[in-house]
Amino acid sequence: MPRQFILDKLKALNLLTEDDKPVSLGFFRNRASISKYGNGGQNQLKIVLAGHPKENLFGFYINCNPDPLAMKEAYKWYLDLLKGDFEDLDIQWGNCGIPIGYGRLRALLPDEMLK
């Protein structure tokens, strides 16, 4: 995804200030939720989701337990995303809802992404 596209989507979610500064961890926690997949325990899969499922949703595919650590790790990834350093992180954007099973976020790409 182009950097400006990411910044515009984060601003639309109020996850970025008007002067392109990151929000606090507390604010991020209030805007994000954890979706859990699997039977639980140590092998439970998690996606930290931030945004509106059918419009503008970022998914941070965290491999971390317990939940508070997963949220902190997602926040670190969010900060890396803002720096443009996310090549090795599993961060996805979508606008087709929350996955029913653990899987990729789907997106209907806006026209500006198709050019």
N, C-alpha and C. Protein backbone atom coordinates (compact mmCIF):
# COMPACT_ATOMS: atom_id res chain seq x y z
N MET A 1 0.84 -1.19 0.00
CA MET A 1 0.00 0.00 0.00
C MET A 1 0.88 1.24 0.00
N PRO A 2 0.51 2.23 -0.76
CA PRO A 2 1.27 3.49 -0.75
C PRO A 2 1.15 4.18 0.63
N ARG A 3 2.24 4.82 1.03
CA ARG A 3 2.29 5.46 2.34
C ARG A 3 1.17 6.48 2.54
N GLN A 4 0.90 7.31 1.53
CA GLN A 4 -0.13 8.33 1.67
C GLN A 4 -1.51 7.71 1.85
N PHE A 5 -1.77 6.60 1.18
CA PHE A 5 -3.03 5.87 1.34
C PHE A 5 -3.20 5.43 2.80
N ILE A 6 -2.12 4.88 3.38
CA ILE A 6 -2.15 4.43 4.78
C ILE A 6 -2.42 5.61 5.71
N LEU A 7 -1.71 6.70 5.52
CA LEU A 7 -1.89 7.88 6.38
C LEU A 7 -3.31 8.42 6.27
N ASP A 8 -3.85 8.48 5.06
CA ASP A 8 -5.23 8.98 4.88
C ASP A 8 -6.24 8.08 5.59
N LYS A 9 -6.05 6.77 5.50
CA LYS A 9 -6.98 5.83 6.15
C LYS A 9 -6.87 5.92 7.67
N LEU A 10 -5.66 6.08 8.20
CA LEU A 10 -5.49 6.23 9.65
C LEU A 10 -6.10 7.54 10.14
N LYS A 11 -5.95 8.61 9.37
CA LYS A 11 -6.57 9.89 9.75
C LYS A 11 -8.08 9.77 9.78
N ALA A 12 -8.65 9.06 8.82
CA ALA A 12 -10.10 8.88 8.76
C ALA A 12 -10.61 8.13 9.99
N LEU A 13 -9.77 7.32 10.60
CA LEU A 13 -10.14 6.57 11.81
C LEU A 13 -9.77 7.31 13.09
N ASN A 14 -9.25 8.52 12.96
CA ASN A 14 -8.74 9.29 14.10
C ASN A 14 -7.61 8.55 14.81
N LEU A 15 -6.85 7.75 14.06
CA LEU A 15 -5.68 7.07 14.62
C LEU A 15 -4.39 7.80 14.24
N LEU A 16 -4.57 9.02 13.77
CA LEU A 16 -3.46 9.88 13.42
C LEU A 16 -3.94 11.31 13.60
N THR A 17 -3.12 12.13 14.23
CA THR A 17 -3.52 13.52 14.45
C THR A 17 -3.43 14.28 13.13
N GLU A 18 -3.96 15.48 13.12
CA GLU A 18 -3.95 16.31 11.91
C GLU A 18 -2.53 16.62 11.44
N ASP A 19 -1.58 16.68 12.38
CA ASP A 19 -0.19 16.94 11.99
C ASP A 19 0.61 15.65 11.87
N ASP A 20 -0.08 14.54 11.58
CA ASP A 20 0.52 13.23 11.31
C ASP A 20 1.32 12.65 12.48
N LYS A 21 0.90 12.91 13.67
CA LYS A 21 1.51 12.34 14.87
C LYS A 21 0.70 11.13 15.33
N PRO A 22 1.36 10.13 15.93
CA PRO A 22 0.61 8.96 16.41
C PRO A 22 -0.24 9.29 17.64
N VAL A 23 -1.31 8.52 17.80
CA VAL A 23 -2.13 8.66 19.01
C VAL A 23 -1.46 7.88 20.14
N SER A 24 -1.92 8.08 21.35
CA SER A 24 -1.34 7.40 22.51
C SER A 24 -1.79 5.94 22.54
N LEU A 25 -1.09 5.15 23.35
CA LEU A 25 -1.46 3.75 23.53
C LEU A 25 -2.87 3.63 24.09
N GLY A 26 -3.23 4.47 25.03
CA GLY A 26 -4.57 4.44 25.61
C GLY A 26 -5.65 4.72 24.58
N PHE A 27 -5.41 5.70 23.73
CA PHE A 27 -6.37 6.03 22.67
C PHE A 27 -6.47 4.87 21.67
N PHE A 28 -5.33 4.30 21.33
CA PHE A 28 -5.30 3.15 20.40
C PHE A 28 -6.11 1.99 20.98
N ARG A 29 -5.93 1.72 22.27
CA ARG A 29 -6.68 0.63 22.93
C ARG A 29 -8.18 0.85 22.85
N ASN A 30 -8.61 2.11 22.99
CA ASN A 30 -10.03 2.42 22.93
C ASN A 30 -10.60 2.26 21.52
N ARG A 31 -9.76 2.36 20.51
CA ARG A 31 -10.22 2.28 19.12
C ARG A 31 -10.05 0.88 18.53
N ALA A 32 -9.34 -0.01 19.22
CA ALA A 32 -9.03 -1.33 18.68
C ALA A 32 -9.68 -2.42 19.53
N SER A 33 -9.82 -3.59 18.92
CA SER A 33 -10.34 -4.76 19.63
C SER A 33 -9.57 -5.99 19.18
N ILE A 34 -9.65 -7.04 19.97
CA ILE A 34 -8.96 -8.29 19.64
C ILE A 34 -9.98 -9.33 19.23
N SER A 35 -9.81 -9.89 18.03
CA SER A 35 -10.62 -11.02 17.59
C SER A 35 -9.78 -12.27 17.78
N LYS A 36 -10.39 -13.29 18.38
CA LYS A 36 -9.66 -14.52 18.70
C LYS A 36 -10.21 -15.67 17.87
N TYR A 37 -9.30 -16.52 17.42
CA TYR A 37 -9.67 -17.67 16.59
C TYR A 37 -8.97 -18.91 17.15
N GLY A 38 -9.68 -20.02 17.15
CA GLY A 38 -9.12 -21.28 17.64
C GLY A 38 -9.73 -21.67 18.97
N ASN A 39 -9.19 -22.73 19.56
CA ASN A 39 -9.75 -23.31 20.78
C ASN A 39 -9.26 -22.66 22.06
N GLY A 40 -8.41 -21.71 21.97
CA GLY A 40 -7.91 -21.05 23.17
C GLY A 40 -6.54 -21.58 23.55
N GLY A 41 -6.10 -21.17 24.71
CA GLY A 41 -4.79 -21.61 25.17
C GLY A 41 -3.67 -20.87 24.46
N GLN A 42 -2.50 -21.46 24.53
CA GLN A 42 -1.30 -20.83 23.98
C GLN A 42 -1.32 -20.70 22.46
N ASN A 43 -2.06 -21.56 21.78
CA ASN A 43 -2.06 -21.56 20.32
C ASN A 43 -3.19 -20.74 19.71
N GLN A 44 -3.90 -19.97 20.51
CA GLN A 44 -5.01 -19.18 19.99
C GLN A 44 -4.49 -18.08 19.07
N LEU A 45 -5.11 -17.95 17.92
CA LEU A 45 -4.71 -16.94 16.95
C LEU A 45 -5.48 -15.65 17.21
N LYS A 46 -4.80 -14.52 17.04
CA LYS A 46 -5.43 -13.22 17.35
C LYS A 46 -5.18 -12.23 16.23
N ILE A 47 -6.19 -11.40 16.01
CA ILE A 47 -6.05 -10.24 15.13
C ILE A 47 -6.50 -9.03 15.93
N VAL A 48 -5.64 -8.03 16.05
CA VAL A 48 -6.04 -6.77 16.66
C VAL A 48 -6.60 -5.92 15.53
N LEU A 49 -7.87 -5.58 15.65
CA LEU A 49 -8.56 -4.84 14.60
C LEU A 49 -8.83 -3.41 15.04
N ALA A 50 -8.58 -2.47 14.13
CA ALA A 50 -8.84 -1.06 14.41
C ALA A 50 -9.55 -0.46 13.21
N GLY A 51 -10.75 0.07 13.44
CA GLY A 51 -11.46 0.74 12.36
C GLY A 51 -12.90 0.31 12.24
N HIS A 52 -13.47 0.59 11.08
CA HIS A 52 -14.85 0.25 10.76
C HIS A 52 -14.83 -0.93 9.80
N PRO A 53 -15.41 -2.07 10.17
CA PRO A 53 -15.28 -3.30 9.37
C PRO A 53 -15.64 -3.18 7.90
N LYS A 54 -16.70 -2.49 7.56
CA LYS A 54 -17.15 -2.45 6.16
C LYS A 54 -16.62 -1.23 5.40
N GLU A 55 -15.79 -0.41 6.05
CA GLU A 55 -15.31 0.80 5.39
C GLU A 55 -13.80 0.93 5.38
N ASN A 56 -13.19 0.74 6.54
CA ASN A 56 -11.78 1.09 6.71
C ASN A 56 -11.27 0.34 7.94
N LEU A 57 -10.61 -0.79 7.74
CA LEU A 57 -10.21 -1.65 8.85
C LEU A 57 -8.76 -2.09 8.70
N PHE A 58 -7.99 -1.85 9.74
CA PHE A 58 -6.62 -2.35 9.79
C PHE A 58 -6.59 -3.58 10.69
N GLY A 59 -5.89 -4.60 10.25
CA GLY A 59 -5.73 -5.82 11.04
C GLY A 59 -4.25 -6.06 11.32
N PHE A 60 -3.94 -6.23 12.60
CA PHE A 60 -2.57 -6.51 13.03
C PHE A 60 -2.56 -7.97 13.48
N TYR A 61 -1.92 -8.83 12.71
CA TYR A 61 -1.94 -10.28 12.96
C TYR A 61 -0.82 -10.62 13.95
N ILE A 62 -1.18 -10.57 15.22
CA ILE A 62 -0.23 -10.69 16.32
C ILE A 62 -0.13 -12.14 16.77
N ASN A 63 1.09 -12.56 17.07
CA ASN A 63 1.31 -13.89 17.63
C ASN A 63 1.86 -13.70 19.04
N CYS A 64 0.97 -13.34 19.96
CA CYS A 64 1.41 -12.94 21.29
C CYS A 64 0.30 -13.21 22.31
N ASN A 65 0.65 -13.72 23.46
CA ASN A 65 -0.27 -13.91 24.58
C ASN A 65 0.31 -13.21 25.79
N PRO A 66 -0.42 -12.78 26.74
CA PRO A 66 -1.88 -12.63 26.85
C PRO A 66 -2.37 -11.39 26.10
N ASP A 67 -3.67 -11.12 26.24
CA ASP A 67 -4.29 -10.03 25.48
C ASP A 67 -3.62 -8.66 25.67
N PRO A 68 -3.28 -8.26 26.92
CA PRO A 68 -2.63 -6.94 27.06
C PRO A 68 -1.32 -6.84 26.29
N LEU A 69 -0.57 -7.93 26.24
CA LEU A 69 0.68 -7.90 25.48
C LEU A 69 0.41 -7.84 23.98
N ALA A 70 -0.65 -8.50 23.53
CA ALA A 70 -1.03 -8.45 22.12
C ALA A 70 -1.38 -7.02 21.72
N MET A 71 -2.11 -6.33 22.57
CA MET A 71 -2.49 -4.94 22.26
C MET A 71 -1.25 -4.04 22.24
N LYS A 72 -0.32 -4.24 23.17
CA LYS A 72 0.91 -3.44 23.17
C LYS A 72 1.75 -3.72 21.93
N GLU A 73 1.80 -4.99 21.53
CA GLU A 73 2.56 -5.35 20.33
C GLU A 73 1.91 -4.73 19.09
N ALA A 74 0.59 -4.74 19.03
CA ALA A 74 -0.11 -4.11 17.90
C ALA A 74 0.19 -2.62 17.86
N TYR A 75 0.26 -1.98 19.02
CA TYR A 75 0.57 -0.55 19.06
C TYR A 75 1.99 -0.31 18.54
N LYS A 76 2.94 -1.17 18.90
CA LYS A 76 4.30 -1.04 18.37
C LYS A 76 4.30 -1.17 16.85
N TRP A 77 3.51 -2.12 16.35
CA TRP A 77 3.41 -2.30 14.90
C TRP A 77 2.78 -1.07 14.26
N TYR A 78 1.79 -0.48 14.92
CA TYR A 78 1.16 0.75 14.44
C TYR A 78 2.20 1.86 14.31
N LEU A 79 3.06 2.00 15.31
CA LEU A 79 4.12 3.01 15.25
C LEU A 79 5.08 2.72 14.10
N ASP A 80 5.41 1.43 13.90
CA ASP A 80 6.28 1.06 12.78
C ASP A 80 5.60 1.35 11.44
N LEU A 81 4.30 1.12 11.38
CA LEU A 81 3.53 1.42 10.17
C LEU A 81 3.63 2.90 9.82
N LEU A 82 3.55 3.75 10.84
CA LEU A 82 3.65 5.20 10.60
C LEU A 82 5.04 5.59 10.10
N LYS A 83 6.06 4.88 10.55
CA LYS A 83 7.43 5.16 10.11
C LYS A 83 7.70 4.61 8.71
N GLY A 84 6.79 3.76 8.23
CA GLY A 84 6.99 3.13 6.93
C GLY A 84 7.82 1.86 7.01
N ASP A 85 8.04 1.37 8.23
CA ASP A 85 8.87 0.19 8.46
C ASP A 85 7.98 -0.99 8.82
N PHE A 86 7.28 -1.54 7.83
CA PHE A 86 6.35 -2.62 8.11
C PHE A 86 6.48 -3.80 7.15
N GLU A 87 7.60 -3.88 6.46
CA GLU A 87 7.80 -4.94 5.48
C GLU A 87 7.69 -6.33 6.11
N ASP A 88 8.22 -6.50 7.31
CA ASP A 88 8.24 -7.82 7.96
C ASP A 88 7.04 -8.07 8.86
N LEU A 89 6.12 -7.11 8.96
CA LEU A 89 4.98 -7.24 9.85
C LEU A 89 3.74 -7.63 9.06
N ASP A 90 2.88 -8.42 9.68
CA ASP A 90 1.64 -8.85 9.02
C ASP A 90 0.53 -7.87 9.39
N ILE A 91 0.50 -6.76 8.68
CA ILE A 91 -0.52 -5.73 8.85
C ILE A 91 -1.32 -5.68 7.55
N GLN A 92 -2.63 -5.73 7.68
CA GLN A 92 -3.47 -5.74 6.48
C GLN A 92 -4.54 -4.66 6.59
N TRP A 93 -5.04 -4.26 5.43
CA TRP A 93 -6.14 -3.31 5.36
C TRP A 93 -7.26 -3.95 4.58
N GLY A 94 -8.49 -3.70 5.01
CA GLY A 94 -9.64 -4.23 4.30
C GLY A 94 -10.87 -3.36 4.51
N ASN A 95 -11.90 -3.65 3.71
CA ASN A 95 -13.16 -2.93 3.84
C ASN A 95 -14.35 -3.86 3.55
N CYS A 96 -14.16 -5.15 3.83
CA CYS A 96 -15.22 -6.14 3.57
C CYS A 96 -15.63 -6.88 4.84
N GLY A 97 -15.41 -6.30 6.00
CA GLY A 97 -15.85 -6.90 7.24
C GLY A 97 -14.76 -7.68 7.96
N ILE A 98 -15.11 -8.14 9.17
CA ILE A 98 -14.22 -8.92 10.01
C ILE A 98 -14.25 -10.37 9.53
N PRO A 99 -13.10 -11.01 9.36
CA PRO A 99 -13.11 -12.41 8.91
C PRO A 99 -13.81 -13.32 9.91
N ILE A 100 -14.65 -14.23 9.40
CA ILE A 100 -15.33 -15.19 10.27
C ILE A 100 -14.33 -16.19 10.81
N GLY A 101 -13.44 -16.66 9.97
CA GLY A 101 -12.35 -17.54 10.38
C GLY A 101 -11.05 -16.77 10.28
N TYR A 102 -10.02 -17.30 10.90
CA TYR A 102 -8.72 -16.63 10.86
C TYR A 102 -8.24 -16.61 9.42
N GLY A 103 -8.11 -15.45 8.89
CA GLY A 103 -7.67 -15.31 7.50
C GLY A 103 -7.43 -13.87 7.14
N ARG A 104 -7.17 -13.65 5.91
CA ARG A 104 -6.82 -12.33 5.44
C ARG A 104 -8.04 -11.40 5.37
N LEU A 105 -7.78 -10.12 5.61
CA LEU A 105 -8.82 -9.11 5.41
C LEU A 105 -9.00 -8.92 3.91
N ARG A 106 -10.23 -8.84 3.49
CA ARG A 106 -10.52 -8.63 2.07
C ARG A 106 -10.76 -7.14 1.83
N ALA A 107 -10.44 -6.72 0.62
CA ALA A 107 -10.62 -5.31 0.29
C ALA A 107 -11.14 -5.15 -1.12
N LEU A 108 -12.13 -4.29 -1.25
CA LEU A 108 -12.53 -3.77 -2.55
C LEU A 108 -11.73 -2.50 -2.71
N LEU A 109 -10.80 -2.50 -3.64
CA LEU A 109 -9.86 -1.39 -3.74
C LEU A 109 -10.52 -0.15 -4.33
N PRO A 110 -10.27 1.00 -3.69
CA PRO A 110 -10.78 2.26 -4.25
C PRO A 110 -10.05 2.58 -5.56
N ASP A 111 -10.65 3.42 -6.36
CA ASP A 111 -10.10 3.76 -7.67
C ASP A 111 -8.66 4.25 -7.60
N GLU A 112 -8.31 5.03 -6.57
CA GLU A 112 -6.95 5.58 -6.50
C GLU A 112 -5.91 4.49 -6.30
N MET A 113 -6.30 3.32 -5.81
CA MET A 113 -5.35 2.22 -5.63
C MET A 113 -5.17 1.44 -6.93
N LEU A 114 -6.10 1.53 -7.86
CA LEU A 114 -6.04 0.77 -9.09
C LEU A 114 -5.18 1.44 -10.15
N LYS A 115 -4.83 2.69 -9.94
CA LYS A 115 -4.03 3.44 -10.92
C LYS A 115 -2.57 3.10 -10.81
